[in-house]
Structures are given as structure tokens and as C-alpha cells.
Amino acid sequence: MHSGLPSTASPSFRRGPSPAASASPVKTRLGLFAFGAILALSGCWLLLPELIQPKTIGLPQDAAGAAAASAHKSEALLAARIGAIRGDLWAAAAFTDSSLLWLDRAALLDRANAGRIARARSNAESALALAPINGEAWLFLAALPSDAPSGAEGNVAALLQMSYFTAPNDLTLAELRLARVATSSALADKDIQEFIKNDIRRILAYRPHLKSAIIAAYRNAWPQNRPLLEGLAADVDPAFAQSLRSASQK
């Protein structure tokens, strides 16, 4: 017997989708859209600096390399500003001012160069704050002329130690390391002496074409540093130490 009431199974009693169920696909789409937008922005953030900077800029080892790097200064600085938290890009921006490492003392007194030194130091410090394992950047700071009016060299030994700790076996940095140590008080440091001795040992064993870098460092060394360099070379190879002394007299 039917009560006359409409059946709950009839079309008039069927419920439509709940508001929560209707909103769920919308939220999913919005979430996916936001995720895709973040991925796209991240990709642009990674790609733009690589497009702006024509090539990877390392620490130049001579004046010619420094001049070539300086040609990309504006691009490197723009790439660093876009990359913001990428230490490698700030290091590259600093290295475009590497010509400062080969300026003579008179040129260093120029006010414009003092500004360049301060800017290069700031860029290198930014690089190391973000990526402290960059041995090239530590060496750059150690080799960078002082921007103090007195010309004080600062804590060169500590900066060189950090360069060695972060890149202990990188012989591409040996020439600049030797040159900087030879003309600073850092060579009095026992740890630095061991690092330099290791560089000399590895150069003689694996990169004999870099012997000229040792000879040049010895020739240009402060008078008080020459006996120390000669002694370190003698510990590695007495015959080479003798030739070092002879070559410096030519």
C-alpha cells in the first residue's frame, strides 16, 4: 500500500552536489595553477642570469685575463642582481674588477680606483656570505689592494688560509697565491708555509711549466720573504732551490 508520499528515489528527491564538492575542483585547479606559476618563475630566475652573462667568469690569473673579464662587467653585475642569492654570480661580478690586482701603487691612490676597490670587495664579500666554499673569491679578497688610506694589507693570512681550505689542490690558483704570499706578511704564518710548500711540491711534480711562477714570486718577494721561500723550496727539492737563487740573479 502506498502512502501517497513521493518516493525518496524519485527525481524530485535527488540531491545536487554539495557546495564543498563543487568548490573542491576549483581549489585544485587554483593550486595547480599557482604551482605551475611558481615553477615558471623559478625557471626564469635560473635561466635569465645564464642568458645575460655570456660565459662563466672565473678569477683571472693575469692582466690580459682581467682585461677580458672587465668587458663583461655590466652583464655580470645585472646577472648577480637578478640571481640575488647565488654566490657564484656575485663572485663573477667581483672578478670583473680583477684588473685592480695588477694596478701599480700610484694608480691605487686614484679616487675612482678606490671606489672600484670598495665595490669589488663588497661583491666578493656578498659572494662569500652566500657561498663560503668559493676558494677563488677568498683568494680575490686576499689579493685585492687595501682601500684604507694607510694601505694596510689587512688580514691577508686568514683570507689565504680560507682560500687553501676551500680549494686546497687547485693549481690554477697557485700562481696568484704565490705572488700574493711573496709580497705580504702572510708568509710568516706556519700554516701558510705548509700550503706554499705543498703548492711547490705539486708544481714540480705535475705542472713543471708553472716553475716560472715560483721564480717570479721569488724575484718579486719582499726581502724578508726570500729566505723563507728558498727554504720551503729546499725542503721539496734542494736542486730547484739552488736554481731558484741563480735564476733570480739573472
Protein backbone atom coordinates (compact mmCIF):
# COMPACT_ATOMS: atom_id res chain seq x y z
CA MET A 1 0.00 0.00 0.00
CA HIS A 2 1.47 3.33 -0.99
CA SER A 3 1.14 6.26 1.39
CA GLY A 4 0.81 8.74 -1.40
CA LEU A 5 4.07 10.42 -0.48
CA PRO A 6 6.61 10.72 -3.26
CA SER A 7 9.38 8.12 -3.13
CA THR A 8 12.78 9.28 -1.95
CA ALA A 9 14.19 7.61 -5.03
CA SER A 10 12.19 9.81 -7.35
CA PRO A 11 14.00 12.55 -9.32
CA SER A 12 12.38 15.23 -7.17
CA PHE A 13 14.27 13.91 -4.10
CA ARG A 14 17.70 13.54 -5.66
CA ARG A 15 20.24 15.88 -4.08
CA GLY A 16 22.53 18.03 -6.17
CA PRO A 17 26.31 18.25 -5.50
CA SER A 18 27.16 19.80 -2.18
CA PRO A 19 28.85 23.26 -2.15
CA ALA A 20 32.04 21.68 -0.72
CA ALA A 21 32.20 19.14 -3.54
CA SER A 22 31.70 21.87 -6.12
CA ALA A 23 34.47 24.03 -4.63
CA SER A 24 36.98 21.18 -4.45
CA PRO A 25 37.84 21.03 -8.19
CA VAL A 26 38.15 24.81 -8.26
CA LYS A 27 40.64 24.79 -5.39
CA THR A 28 42.60 22.00 -7.05
CA ARG A 29 42.81 23.96 -10.29
CA LEU A 30 43.90 27.10 -8.47
CA GLY A 31 46.53 25.15 -6.54
CA LEU A 32 47.90 23.58 -9.72
CA PHE A 33 47.93 26.96 -11.46
CA ALA A 34 49.85 28.54 -8.54
CA PHE A 35 52.31 25.65 -8.51
CA GLY A 36 52.88 25.99 -12.25
CA ALA A 37 53.37 29.74 -11.94
CA ILE A 38 55.96 29.23 -9.20
CA LEU A 39 57.81 26.69 -11.35
CA ALA A 40 57.77 29.07 -14.32
CA LEU A 41 59.10 31.96 -12.24
CA SER A 42 61.80 29.73 -10.76
CA GLY A 43 62.83 28.62 -14.22
CA CYS A 44 63.06 32.22 -15.40
CA TRP A 45 65.06 33.15 -12.30
CA LEU A 46 67.57 30.39 -13.04
CA LEU A 47 67.68 30.92 -16.78
CA LEU A 48 67.86 34.72 -17.05
CA PRO A 49 71.29 35.13 -15.40
CA GLU A 50 72.73 32.45 -17.70
CA LEU A 51 71.36 34.28 -20.74
CA ILE A 52 72.61 37.66 -19.56
CA GLN A 53 76.08 36.53 -18.56
CA PRO A 54 77.85 35.38 -21.75
CA LYS A 55 80.04 32.82 -20.04
CA THR A 56 81.26 31.67 -16.66
CA ILE A 57 83.75 34.20 -15.31
CA GLY A 58 86.50 32.75 -13.13
CA LEU A 59 89.30 34.50 -11.30
CA PRO A 60 91.78 35.74 -13.96
CA GLN A 61 95.40 34.72 -13.48
CA ASP A 62 97.00 37.56 -15.42
CA ALA A 63 96.37 41.12 -16.58
CA ALA A 64 95.18 40.02 -20.02
CA GLY A 65 92.55 37.74 -18.48
CA ALA A 66 91.47 40.54 -16.15
CA ALA A 67 91.01 42.90 -19.10
CA ALA A 68 88.88 40.31 -20.89
CA ALA A 69 86.72 39.79 -17.79
CA SER A 70 86.17 43.53 -17.34
CA ALA A 71 84.42 43.65 -20.72
CA HIS A 72 81.52 41.72 -19.17
CA LYS A 73 81.19 43.86 -16.03
CA SER A 74 77.68 45.24 -16.64
CA GLU A 75 76.24 41.86 -17.66
CA ALA A 76 77.83 40.09 -14.68
CA LEU A 77 76.50 42.67 -12.23
CA LEU A 78 72.99 42.52 -13.70
CA ALA A 79 73.05 38.71 -13.54
CA ALA A 80 74.12 38.87 -9.89
CA ARG A 81 71.30 41.27 -9.02
CA ILE A 82 68.76 39.00 -10.68
CA GLY A 83 70.24 35.86 -9.12
CA ALA A 84 70.32 37.70 -5.78
CA ILE A 85 71.10 34.71 -3.54
CA ARG A 86 73.54 32.97 -5.90
CA GLY A 87 77.05 33.41 -4.58
CA ASP A 88 78.68 32.27 -7.82
CA LEU A 89 77.13 35.21 -9.67
CA TRP A 90 78.34 37.75 -7.10
CA ALA A 91 81.81 36.22 -7.33
CA ALA A 92 81.75 36.61 -11.12
CA ALA A 93 80.72 40.26 -10.69
CA ALA A 94 83.66 40.79 -8.34
CA PHE A 95 86.09 39.11 -10.75
CA THR A 96 85.26 41.62 -13.49
CA ASP A 97 87.25 44.12 -11.40
CA SER A 98 90.32 41.85 -11.28
CA SER A 99 92.38 44.41 -13.19
CA LEU A 100 92.75 46.07 -9.77
CA LEU A 101 95.12 43.26 -8.82
CA TRP A 102 97.64 44.44 -11.40
CA LEU A 103 97.49 48.20 -10.84
CA ASP A 104 100.65 49.99 -9.75
CA ARG A 105 100.76 51.78 -6.41
CA ALA A 106 100.31 55.26 -7.92
CA ALA A 107 97.12 54.22 -9.71
CA LEU A 108 95.72 52.77 -6.50
CA LEU A 109 95.72 56.23 -4.96
CA ASP A 110 93.24 57.46 -7.57
CA ARG A 111 89.82 58.15 -6.06
CA ALA A 112 87.99 56.35 -8.87
CA ASN A 113 90.04 53.21 -8.29
CA ALA A 114 89.35 53.45 -4.55
CA GLY A 115 85.65 53.29 -5.40
CA ARG A 116 86.23 50.27 -7.62
CA ILE A 117 88.14 48.53 -4.85
CA ALA A 118 85.31 49.12 -2.39
CA ARG A 119 82.73 47.83 -4.90
CA ALA A 120 84.78 44.75 -5.77
CA ARG A 121 85.30 43.98 -2.09
CA SER A 122 81.58 44.32 -1.41
CA ASN A 123 80.70 41.98 -4.29
CA ALA A 124 83.24 39.37 -3.15
CA GLU A 125 82.01 39.57 0.44
CA SER A 126 78.43 39.09 -0.79
CA ALA A 127 79.58 36.03 -2.75
CA LEU A 128 81.25 34.51 0.29
CA ALA A 129 78.31 35.26 2.57
CA LEU A 130 76.16 33.16 0.21
CA ALA A 131 78.76 30.57 -0.88
CA PRO A 132 81.69 30.43 1.57
CA ILE A 133 83.27 27.44 -0.19
CA ASN A 134 84.46 29.56 -3.13
CA GLY A 135 88.27 29.38 -2.96
CA GLU A 136 88.66 31.84 -5.84
CA ALA A 137 86.64 34.50 -4.03
CA TRP A 138 88.74 34.12 -0.85
CA LEU A 139 91.90 34.49 -2.92
CA PHE A 140 90.47 37.53 -4.70
CA LEU A 141 89.87 39.24 -1.36
CA ALA A 142 93.38 38.35 -0.23
CA ALA A 143 94.91 39.78 -3.40
CA LEU A 144 92.69 42.86 -3.61
CA PRO A 145 94.58 46.06 -2.70
CA SER A 146 93.58 47.72 0.52
CA ASP A 147 91.14 50.60 0.23
CA ALA A 148 92.42 52.04 3.51
CA PRO A 149 94.34 55.34 3.20
CA SER A 150 97.27 53.81 5.06
CA GLY A 151 97.50 50.97 2.55
CA ALA A 152 97.42 48.40 5.37
CA GLU A 153 97.08 44.92 3.93
CA GLY A 154 94.57 43.65 6.49
CA ASN A 155 94.31 40.01 7.47
CA VAL A 156 95.77 38.54 4.32
CA ALA A 157 96.95 35.37 6.06
CA ALA A 158 93.43 34.46 7.21
CA LEU A 159 91.99 35.08 3.75
CA LEU A 160 94.68 32.96 2.13
CA GLN A 161 94.07 30.19 4.63
CA MET A 162 90.39 30.16 3.70
CA SER A 163 91.34 30.01 0.02
CA TYR A 164 93.50 26.97 0.72
CA PHE A 165 90.93 25.30 2.99
CA THR A 166 88.20 25.63 0.34
CA ALA A 167 90.36 24.81 -2.71
CA PRO A 168 93.46 23.02 -1.36
CA ASN A 169 94.57 21.27 -4.56
CA ASP A 170 93.57 23.79 -7.22
CA LEU A 171 96.84 24.53 -9.01
CA THR A 172 95.13 27.03 -11.29
CA LEU A 173 95.25 29.36 -8.26
CA ALA A 174 98.89 28.61 -7.40
CA GLU A 175 100.43 31.44 -9.43
CA LEU A 176 98.30 34.14 -7.82
CA ARG A 177 98.68 32.61 -4.37
CA LEU A 178 102.46 32.56 -4.67
CA ALA A 179 102.56 36.14 -5.91
CA ARG A 180 100.37 37.37 -3.05
CA VAL A 181 102.19 35.47 -0.34
CA ALA A 182 105.58 36.69 -1.56
CA THR A 183 104.58 40.33 -1.10
CA SER A 184 102.81 40.11 2.24
CA SER A 185 103.46 39.27 5.86
CA ALA A 186 101.32 36.13 5.45
CA LEU A 187 104.40 34.03 4.71
CA ALA A 188 105.41 34.29 8.38
CA ASP A 189 102.40 32.10 9.21
CA LYS A 190 103.39 28.45 9.67
CA ASP A 191 100.18 27.12 8.11
CA ILE A 192 100.67 29.29 5.04
CA GLN A 193 104.22 27.98 4.74
CA GLU A 194 102.93 24.42 4.64
CA PHE A 195 100.35 25.34 1.99
CA ILE A 196 103.01 27.04 -0.13
CA LYS A 197 105.35 24.09 0.24
CA ASN A 198 102.56 21.81 -0.99
CA ASP A 199 101.99 24.10 -3.99
CA ILE A 200 105.69 24.00 -4.83
CA ARG A 201 105.75 20.21 -4.48
CA ARG A 202 102.73 19.74 -6.73
CA ILE A 203 104.01 22.21 -9.33
CA LEU A 204 107.36 20.44 -9.60
CA ALA A 205 105.67 17.03 -9.80
CA TYR A 206 102.66 17.73 -12.00
CA ARG A 207 102.88 21.21 -13.55
CA PRO A 208 106.54 21.90 -14.33
CA HIS A 209 105.52 24.66 -16.75
CA LEU A 210 104.49 26.66 -13.66
CA LYS A 211 108.06 26.78 -12.32
CA SER A 212 108.23 30.27 -13.79
CA ALA A 213 105.51 31.33 -11.34
CA ILE A 214 107.67 30.26 -8.40
CA ILE A 215 110.68 32.08 -9.84
CA ALA A 216 108.61 35.24 -10.47
CA ALA A 217 107.24 35.16 -6.93
CA TYR A 218 110.76 34.78 -5.55
CA ARG A 219 112.08 37.67 -7.64
CA ASN A 220 109.28 40.00 -6.58
CA ALA A 221 109.20 38.88 -2.97
CA TRP A 222 109.83 41.18 -0.04
CA PRO A 223 113.47 40.86 1.09
CA GLN A 224 112.46 39.16 4.33
CA ASN A 225 110.35 36.62 2.42
CA ARG A 226 113.05 35.42 0.03
CA PRO A 227 114.89 33.22 2.56
CA LEU A 228 111.56 31.70 3.61
CA LEU A 229 110.58 30.87 0.02
CA GLU A 230 114.03 29.48 -0.67
CA GLY A 231 113.85 27.33 2.45
CA LEU A 232 110.43 25.95 1.51
CA ALA A 233 111.68 25.12 -1.98
CA ALA A 234 114.77 23.43 -0.49
CA ASP A 235 112.55 21.22 1.67
CA VAL A 236 110.90 19.96 -1.50
CA ASP A 237 113.83 19.93 -3.95
CA PRO A 238 117.27 21.29 -2.94
CA ALA A 239 118.43 21.39 -6.54
CA PHE A 240 115.47 23.53 -7.56
CA ALA A 241 116.10 25.85 -4.61
CA GLN A 242 119.63 26.37 -5.88
CA SER A 243 118.38 27.09 -9.39
CA LEU A 244 115.82 29.45 -7.89
CA ARG A 245 118.55 31.55 -6.36
CA SER A 246 120.52 31.52 -9.59
CA ALA A 247 117.52 32.43 -11.74
CA SER A 248 116.68 35.40 -9.54
CA GLN A 249 120.17 36.84 -10.10
CA LYS A 250 119.84 36.93 -13.87
